[in-house]
Amino acid sequence: MVRRRQRQPQPDGALLIEDADNQPFLSMASLWEMAIKISLGKLMLSEPFDTLIPQQMRLNGIRLLPIELAHVAVVATLPYHHAILLTGCSLPRAWLSGFPL
C-alpha cells in the first residue's frame, strides 16, 4: 500500500512577506517581465519604473534575487514543455538558491 503524504496548509503569501523573520526577495526575472508589460502598455506604474522599484525595495527591505549562469543552465536540461513554462528561470533559480518550493 502506498501512503500519501498529507499536504500541510500553506500560509498566505502576504503573511509570509509581512513576517519580520522572513527575508523577501524579488526576482530579476520578475522585474524583466514587469518592464516588458510596461513597454507593451499592459502595466502602468504611479512613478517611473527605475524610480519606483528601487524605492519600494528599500522601503520594504526586499533583496534582489539575480539570475546566474547556473540558474539558466538548469533550463537547458529541461524537456521543452518545462523550458517554456520556466523562461524566467524562477523555479530553477529558487531551487538552486535553497528556497523552499
Protein backbone atom coordinates (compact mmCIF):
# COMPACT_ATOMS: atom_id res chain seq x y z
CA MET A 1 0.00 0.00 0.00
CA VAL A 2 1.26 3.46 -0.90
CA ARG A 3 0.85 6.06 1.79
CA ARG A 4 0.39 9.54 0.55
CA ARG A 5 1.93 12.33 2.50
CA GLN A 6 -0.73 14.76 3.61
CA ARG A 7 -0.06 18.29 2.48
CA GLN A 8 0.19 20.85 5.22
CA PRO A 9 -1.84 24.03 4.75
CA GLN A 10 0.36 26.72 3.24
CA PRO A 11 0.42 30.16 4.85
CA ASP A 12 -0.89 33.10 2.87
CA GLY A 13 1.86 34.71 0.76
CA ALA A 14 1.16 38.15 2.19
CA LEU A 15 1.60 36.80 5.73
CA LEU A 16 4.96 35.30 4.77
CA ILE A 17 6.13 38.58 3.27
CA GLU A 18 4.97 40.60 6.29
CA ASP A 19 6.60 38.23 8.79
CA ALA A 20 9.70 40.03 10.11
CA ASP A 21 11.50 36.66 10.43
CA ASN A 22 11.38 36.20 6.64
CA GLN A 23 13.53 37.98 4.09
CA PRO A 24 11.53 38.99 1.00
CA PHE A 25 13.23 38.64 -2.39
CA LEU A 26 12.30 39.99 -5.79
CA SER A 27 13.41 38.07 -8.84
CA MET A 28 15.32 39.84 -11.60
CA ALA A 29 13.18 37.75 -13.98
CA SER A 30 10.02 39.26 -12.45
CA LEU A 31 11.41 42.77 -12.91
CA TRP A 32 12.24 41.93 -16.52
CA GLU A 33 8.67 40.71 -17.09
CA MET A 34 7.29 43.88 -15.47
CA ALA A 35 9.42 46.03 -17.78
CA ILE A 36 8.09 44.15 -20.80
CA LYS A 37 4.49 44.64 -19.64
CA ILE A 38 5.13 48.37 -19.13
CA SER A 39 6.58 48.69 -22.65
CA LEU A 40 3.50 46.89 -24.05
CA GLY A 41 1.13 49.17 -22.14
CA LYS A 42 -0.20 46.28 -20.03
CA LEU A 43 1.17 47.61 -16.74
CA MET A 44 1.03 51.19 -15.50
CA LEU A 45 3.01 52.44 -12.51
CA SER A 46 2.47 55.59 -10.46
CA GLU A 47 6.13 56.57 -10.95
CA PRO A 48 8.85 55.66 -13.45
CA PHE A 49 9.97 52.03 -13.15
CA ASP A 50 13.60 52.94 -12.38
CA THR A 51 12.45 55.20 -9.53
CA LEU A 52 9.59 53.18 -8.04
CA ILE A 53 11.18 49.73 -7.90
CA PRO A 54 14.41 50.68 -6.05
CA GLN A 55 12.40 52.94 -3.72
CA GLN A 56 9.92 50.18 -2.83
CA MET A 57 12.69 47.61 -2.44
CA ARG A 58 14.45 49.89 0.07
CA LEU A 59 11.25 50.78 1.95
CA ASN A 60 10.16 47.14 2.23
CA GLY A 61 13.56 45.54 2.82
CA ILE A 62 13.32 43.50 -0.38
CA ARG A 63 16.53 41.97 -1.74
CA LEU A 64 17.16 41.30 -5.41
CA LEU A 65 17.44 37.68 -6.49
CA PRO A 66 19.71 37.72 -9.55
CA ILE A 67 19.78 35.30 -12.45
CA GLU A 68 23.07 33.44 -12.63
CA LEU A 69 24.52 31.07 -15.19
CA ALA A 70 23.71 28.00 -13.04
CA HIS A 71 20.04 29.02 -12.99
CA VAL A 72 19.88 29.32 -16.76
CA ALA A 73 21.83 26.06 -17.21
CA VAL A 74 19.07 24.16 -15.40
CA VAL A 75 16.56 25.36 -18.00
CA ALA A 76 18.82 23.99 -20.78
CA THR A 77 18.43 20.48 -19.31
CA LEU A 78 14.62 20.50 -19.07
CA PRO A 79 12.23 18.95 -21.59
CA TYR A 80 10.78 21.52 -23.98
CA HIS A 81 7.42 21.95 -22.22
CA HIS A 82 9.18 22.75 -18.93
CA ALA A 83 11.55 25.19 -20.59
CA ILE A 84 8.57 27.12 -21.97
CA LEU A 85 7.00 27.40 -18.50
CA LEU A 86 10.27 28.44 -16.91
CA THR A 87 11.56 31.01 -19.37
CA GLY A 88 12.03 33.40 -16.45
CA CYS A 89 14.09 30.73 -14.67
CA SER A 90 12.18 31.31 -11.42
CA LEU A 91 11.92 27.70 -10.26
CA PRO A 92 15.47 26.63 -11.12
CA ARG A 93 16.82 29.77 -9.50
CA ALA A 94 14.78 29.25 -6.34
CA TRP A 95 15.75 25.57 -6.17
CA LEU A 96 19.48 26.22 -6.64
CA SER A 97 19.34 29.09 -4.14
CA GLY A 98 17.88 26.81 -1.46
CA PHE A 99 14.42 28.37 -1.30
CA PRO A 100 11.51 26.09 -0.43
CA LEU A 101 9.31 25.24 -3.41
